[in-house]
């Protein structure tokens, strides 16, 4: 794995979750399996929760993915009073 001192802020040193490289080329396969399983489980929610999050996201001017990712990363729902964080998320869209 990468040197933790060189990791970006907020990176938890988990393996990449995209499918760009074949499974057999990405380090420890069991670790990759566990991370991918946890990633899928985190995004799998009931229909009612998904609709609730979608409604809240639209009210705040965010996408469903942006809103849900904020919940997963920070452990709390964004509120209309969180102007600074909402603006930061919107500005991050424009970055390459």
N, C-alpha and C. Protein backbone atom coordinates (compact mmCIF):
# COMPACT_ATOMS: atom_id res chain seq x y z
N UNK A 1 0.84 -1.19 0.00
CA UNK A 1 0.00 0.00 0.00
C UNK A 1 0.88 1.24 0.00
N UNK A 2 0.27 2.36 -0.30
CA UNK A 2 0.99 3.62 -0.37
C UNK A 2 1.45 4.07 1.01
N UNK A 3 2.46 4.91 1.00
CA UNK A 3 2.99 5.47 2.24
C UNK A 3 1.93 6.39 2.85
N UNK A 4 1.49 6.15 4.12
CA UNK A 4 0.45 6.97 4.73
C UNK A 4 0.83 8.45 4.80
N UNK A 5 2.11 8.75 4.89
CA UNK A 5 2.52 10.15 4.96
C UNK A 5 2.23 10.88 3.66
N UNK A 6 2.16 10.14 2.55
CA UNK A 6 1.92 10.76 1.25
C UNK A 6 0.45 10.73 0.85
N UNK A 7 -0.39 10.13 1.66
CA UNK A 7 -1.81 10.01 1.34
C UNK A 7 -2.50 11.36 1.39
N UNK A 8 -3.51 11.51 0.56
CA UNK A 8 -4.30 12.72 0.57
C UNK A 8 -5.12 12.79 1.85
N UNK A 9 -5.43 13.98 2.26
CA UNK A 9 -6.25 14.17 3.44
C UNK A 9 -7.59 13.49 3.25
N UNK A 10 -8.00 12.70 4.23
CA UNK A 10 -9.27 12.02 4.16
C UNK A 10 -9.21 10.64 3.52
N UNK A 11 -8.05 10.25 3.00
CA UNK A 11 -7.93 8.94 2.37
C UNK A 11 -7.68 7.88 3.43
N UNK A 12 -8.40 6.78 3.39
CA UNK A 12 -8.28 5.76 4.42
C UNK A 12 -7.38 4.60 4.02
N UNK A 13 -6.64 4.74 2.96
CA UNK A 13 -5.67 3.75 2.49
C UNK A 13 -6.32 2.46 2.01
N UNK A 14 -7.59 2.49 1.67
CA UNK A 14 -8.24 1.31 1.12
C UNK A 14 -7.84 1.12 -0.33
N UNK A 15 -8.07 -0.07 -0.87
CA UNK A 15 -7.71 -0.33 -2.26
C UNK A 15 -8.64 0.42 -3.20
N UNK A 16 -8.25 0.62 -4.44
CA UNK A 16 -9.15 1.27 -5.40
C UNK A 16 -10.38 0.39 -5.62
N UNK A 17 -11.53 1.02 -5.73
CA UNK A 17 -12.78 0.28 -5.87
C UNK A 17 -13.27 0.21 -7.31
N UNK A 18 -12.56 0.85 -8.23
CA UNK A 18 -12.99 0.78 -9.61
C UNK A 18 -12.46 -0.49 -10.26
N UNK A 19 -12.93 -0.78 -11.45
CA UNK A 19 -12.56 -2.02 -12.12
C UNK A 19 -11.53 -1.80 -13.22
N UNK A 20 -10.67 -0.81 -13.08
CA UNK A 20 -9.70 -0.52 -14.12
C UNK A 20 -8.64 -1.61 -14.27
N UNK A 21 -8.26 -2.25 -13.17
CA UNK A 21 -7.25 -3.29 -13.22
C UNK A 21 -7.87 -4.63 -12.87
N UNK A 22 -7.36 -5.71 -13.46
CA UNK A 22 -7.89 -7.03 -13.11
C UNK A 22 -7.67 -7.33 -11.63
N UNK A 23 -8.56 -8.11 -11.05
CA UNK A 23 -8.50 -8.44 -9.63
C UNK A 23 -7.13 -8.98 -9.22
N UNK A 24 -6.52 -9.81 -10.05
CA UNK A 24 -5.27 -10.47 -9.67
C UNK A 24 -4.09 -9.52 -9.66
N UNK A 25 -4.23 -8.29 -10.12
CA UNK A 25 -3.14 -7.33 -10.12
C UNK A 25 -3.21 -6.34 -8.97
N UNK A 26 -4.20 -6.42 -8.12
CA UNK A 26 -4.41 -5.41 -7.10
C UNK A 26 -4.17 -5.99 -5.71
N UNK A 27 -2.93 -6.09 -5.30
CA UNK A 27 -2.58 -6.47 -3.93
C UNK A 27 -3.30 -7.70 -3.40
N UNK A 28 -3.64 -7.66 -2.14
CA UNK A 28 -4.29 -8.76 -1.44
C UNK A 28 -5.74 -8.88 -1.89
N UNK A 29 -6.09 -10.00 -2.49
CA UNK A 29 -7.44 -10.17 -3.04
C UNK A 29 -8.51 -10.19 -1.97
N UNK A 30 -8.21 -10.75 -0.79
CA UNK A 30 -9.21 -10.79 0.27
C UNK A 30 -9.53 -9.38 0.76
N UNK A 31 -8.52 -8.54 0.89
CA UNK A 31 -8.75 -7.15 1.30
C UNK A 31 -9.60 -6.44 0.27
N UNK A 32 -9.27 -6.63 -0.99
CA UNK A 32 -10.06 -6.01 -2.07
C UNK A 32 -11.50 -6.50 -2.03
N UNK A 33 -11.69 -7.80 -1.84
CA UNK A 33 -13.03 -8.37 -1.75
C UNK A 33 -13.83 -7.72 -0.62
N UNK A 34 -13.21 -7.59 0.55
CA UNK A 34 -13.90 -7.01 1.72
C UNK A 34 -14.27 -5.56 1.47
N UNK A 35 -13.36 -4.79 0.87
CA UNK A 35 -13.64 -3.38 0.59
C UNK A 35 -14.77 -3.24 -0.42
N UNK A 36 -14.74 -4.04 -1.46
CA UNK A 36 -15.79 -3.94 -2.48
C UNK A 36 -17.15 -4.34 -1.90
N UNK A 37 -17.19 -5.36 -1.07
CA UNK A 37 -18.43 -5.80 -0.44
C UNK A 37 -18.98 -4.70 0.48
N UNK A 38 -18.10 -4.08 1.26
CA UNK A 38 -18.53 -3.00 2.16
C UNK A 38 -19.02 -1.80 1.36
N UNK A 39 -18.36 -1.49 0.26
CA UNK A 39 -18.77 -0.36 -0.59
C UNK A 39 -20.16 -0.59 -1.15
N UNK A 40 -20.42 -1.79 -1.65
CA UNK A 40 -21.76 -2.10 -2.18
C UNK A 40 -22.82 -2.04 -1.09
N UNK A 41 -22.50 -2.55 0.09
CA UNK A 41 -23.47 -2.55 1.20
C UNK A 41 -23.79 -1.14 1.67
N UNK A 42 -22.81 -0.24 1.64
CA UNK A 42 -23.03 1.13 2.10
C UNK A 42 -24.00 1.87 1.18
N UNK A 43 -24.01 1.56 -0.10
CA UNK A 43 -24.88 2.25 -1.05
C UNK A 43 -26.23 1.57 -1.21
N UNK A 44 -26.41 0.39 -0.65
CA UNK A 44 -27.68 -0.33 -0.79
C UNK A 44 -28.61 0.07 0.35
N UNK A 45 -29.69 0.75 0.01
CA UNK A 45 -30.65 1.21 1.01
C UNK A 45 -32.06 0.88 0.53
N UNK A 46 -33.01 1.01 1.42
CA UNK A 46 -34.40 0.75 1.05
C UNK A 46 -34.92 1.86 0.13
N UNK A 47 -36.01 1.58 -0.52
CA UNK A 47 -36.62 2.55 -1.44
C UNK A 47 -37.00 3.83 -0.71
N UNK A 48 -37.57 3.70 0.48
CA UNK A 48 -38.01 4.88 1.24
C UNK A 48 -36.83 5.78 1.62
N UNK A 49 -35.74 5.17 2.04
CA UNK A 49 -34.56 5.97 2.40
C UNK A 49 -33.99 6.65 1.17
N UNK A 50 -33.95 5.93 0.05
CA UNK A 50 -33.43 6.52 -1.19
C UNK A 50 -34.28 7.71 -1.62
N UNK A 51 -35.60 7.58 -1.54
CA UNK A 51 -36.48 8.69 -1.92
C UNK A 51 -36.33 9.88 -0.96
N UNK A 52 -36.18 9.59 0.32
CA UNK A 52 -35.96 10.65 1.32
C UNK A 52 -34.67 11.41 1.00
N UNK A 53 -33.61 10.67 0.75
CA UNK A 53 -32.32 11.31 0.45
C UNK A 53 -32.39 12.10 -0.85
N UNK A 54 -33.09 11.57 -1.85
CA UNK A 54 -33.22 12.27 -3.11
C UNK A 54 -33.96 13.59 -2.92
N UNK A 55 -35.04 13.56 -2.18
CA UNK A 55 -35.80 14.79 -1.92
C UNK A 55 -34.94 15.83 -1.19
N UNK A 56 -34.23 15.40 -0.15
CA UNK A 56 -33.36 16.32 0.61
C UNK A 56 -32.25 16.87 -0.28
N UNK A 57 -31.66 16.01 -1.10
CA UNK A 57 -30.58 16.44 -1.98
C UNK A 57 -31.07 17.50 -2.96
N UNK A 58 -32.22 17.27 -3.55
CA UNK A 58 -32.77 18.23 -4.52
C UNK A 58 -33.07 19.56 -3.86
N UNK A 59 -33.57 19.55 -2.62
CA UNK A 59 -33.84 20.80 -1.91
C UNK A 59 -32.57 21.60 -1.66
N UNK A 60 -31.45 20.89 -1.46
CA UNK A 60 -30.19 21.55 -1.18
C UNK A 60 -29.39 21.86 -2.45
N UNK A 61 -29.89 21.40 -3.60
CA UNK A 61 -29.20 21.64 -4.86
C UNK A 61 -28.05 20.67 -5.10
N UNK A 62 -28.13 19.49 -4.51
CA UNK A 62 -27.10 18.47 -4.67
C UNK A 62 -27.66 17.27 -5.41
N UNK A 63 -26.78 16.42 -5.88
CA UNK A 63 -27.22 15.16 -6.48
C UNK A 63 -27.42 14.14 -5.37
N UNK A 64 -28.12 13.06 -5.70
CA UNK A 64 -28.32 11.98 -4.73
C UNK A 64 -26.97 11.43 -4.27
N UNK A 65 -26.05 11.24 -5.21
CA UNK A 65 -24.73 10.69 -4.89
C UNK A 65 -23.96 11.62 -3.96
N UNK A 66 -23.99 12.92 -4.23
CA UNK A 66 -23.27 13.87 -3.37
C UNK A 66 -23.84 13.87 -1.96
N UNK A 67 -25.15 13.87 -1.85
CA UNK A 67 -25.80 13.89 -0.54
C UNK A 67 -25.51 12.60 0.23
N UNK A 68 -25.65 11.46 -0.43
CA UNK A 68 -25.41 10.17 0.23
C UNK A 68 -23.95 10.03 0.62
N UNK A 69 -23.05 10.44 -0.24
CA UNK A 69 -21.63 10.36 0.09
C UNK A 69 -21.30 11.21 1.32
N UNK A 70 -21.94 12.34 1.45
CA UNK A 70 -21.73 13.18 2.63
C UNK A 70 -22.20 12.46 3.89
N UNK A 71 -23.31 11.76 3.81
CA UNK A 71 -23.80 10.98 4.96
C UNK A 71 -22.81 9.87 5.30
N UNK A 72 -22.32 9.17 4.28
CA UNK A 72 -21.39 8.07 4.51
C UNK A 72 -20.05 8.56 5.07
N UNK A 73 -19.58 9.70 4.59
CA UNK A 73 -18.28 10.21 5.03
C UNK A 73 -18.35 10.88 6.40
N UNK A 74 -19.39 11.64 6.66
CA UNK A 74 -19.44 12.46 7.87
C UNK A 74 -20.38 11.90 8.95
N UNK A 75 -21.27 10.99 8.55
CA UNK A 75 -22.17 10.38 9.52
C UNK A 75 -23.32 11.27 9.95
N UNK A 76 -23.63 12.27 9.14
CA UNK A 76 -24.76 13.14 9.47
C UNK A 76 -25.39 13.67 8.20
N UNK A 77 -26.69 14.00 8.30
CA UNK A 77 -27.41 14.59 7.17
C UNK A 77 -27.07 16.06 7.07
N UNK A 78 -26.94 16.55 5.85
CA UNK A 78 -26.74 17.98 5.65
C UNK A 78 -28.03 18.72 5.95
N UNK A 79 -27.89 19.88 6.54
CA UNK A 79 -29.02 20.74 6.84
C UNK A 79 -28.91 22.00 5.99
N UNK A 80 -30.02 22.72 5.79
CA UNK A 80 -29.95 23.96 5.02
C UNK A 80 -28.97 24.97 5.63
N UNK A 81 -28.70 24.87 6.93
CA UNK A 81 -27.78 25.80 7.59
C UNK A 81 -26.31 25.50 7.28
N UNK A 82 -26.03 24.37 6.66
CA UNK A 82 -24.66 23.98 6.34
C UNK A 82 -24.22 24.59 5.01
N UNK A 83 -24.35 25.90 4.89
CA UNK A 83 -24.06 26.59 3.64
C UNK A 83 -22.63 26.36 3.17
N UNK A 84 -21.68 26.46 4.08
CA UNK A 84 -20.26 26.35 3.69
C UNK A 84 -19.97 24.97 3.10
N UNK A 85 -20.47 23.92 3.73
CA UNK A 85 -20.20 22.57 3.24
C UNK A 85 -20.91 22.30 1.91
N UNK A 86 -22.15 22.78 1.78
CA UNK A 86 -22.90 22.60 0.53
C UNK A 86 -22.19 23.32 -0.61
N UNK A 87 -21.72 24.55 -0.35
CA UNK A 87 -20.99 25.29 -1.37
C UNK A 87 -19.70 24.59 -1.75
N UNK A 88 -19.01 24.00 -0.78
CA UNK A 88 -17.76 23.28 -1.07
C UNK A 88 -18.03 22.07 -1.97
N UNK A 89 -19.13 21.38 -1.72
CA UNK A 89 -19.49 20.22 -2.54
C UNK A 89 -19.79 20.66 -3.97
N UNK A 90 -20.52 21.76 -4.11
CA UNK A 90 -20.85 22.26 -5.45
C UNK A 90 -19.61 22.73 -6.19
N UNK A 91 -18.68 23.37 -5.48
CA UNK A 91 -17.43 23.81 -6.13
C UNK A 91 -16.59 22.62 -6.57
N UNK A 92 -16.64 21.52 -5.82
CA UNK A 92 -15.84 20.34 -6.15
C UNK A 92 -16.33 19.69 -7.45
N UNK A 93 -17.56 19.93 -7.85
CA UNK A 93 -18.08 19.40 -9.12
C UNK A 93 -17.28 19.93 -10.29
N UNK A 94 -16.88 21.17 -10.20
CA UNK A 94 -16.23 21.83 -11.32
C UNK A 94 -14.76 21.47 -11.47
N UNK A 95 -14.18 20.80 -10.47
CA UNK A 95 -12.78 20.42 -10.56
C UNK A 95 -12.60 19.24 -11.51
N UNK A 96 -11.48 19.22 -12.25
CA UNK A 96 -11.26 18.11 -13.20
C UNK A 96 -11.00 16.81 -12.49
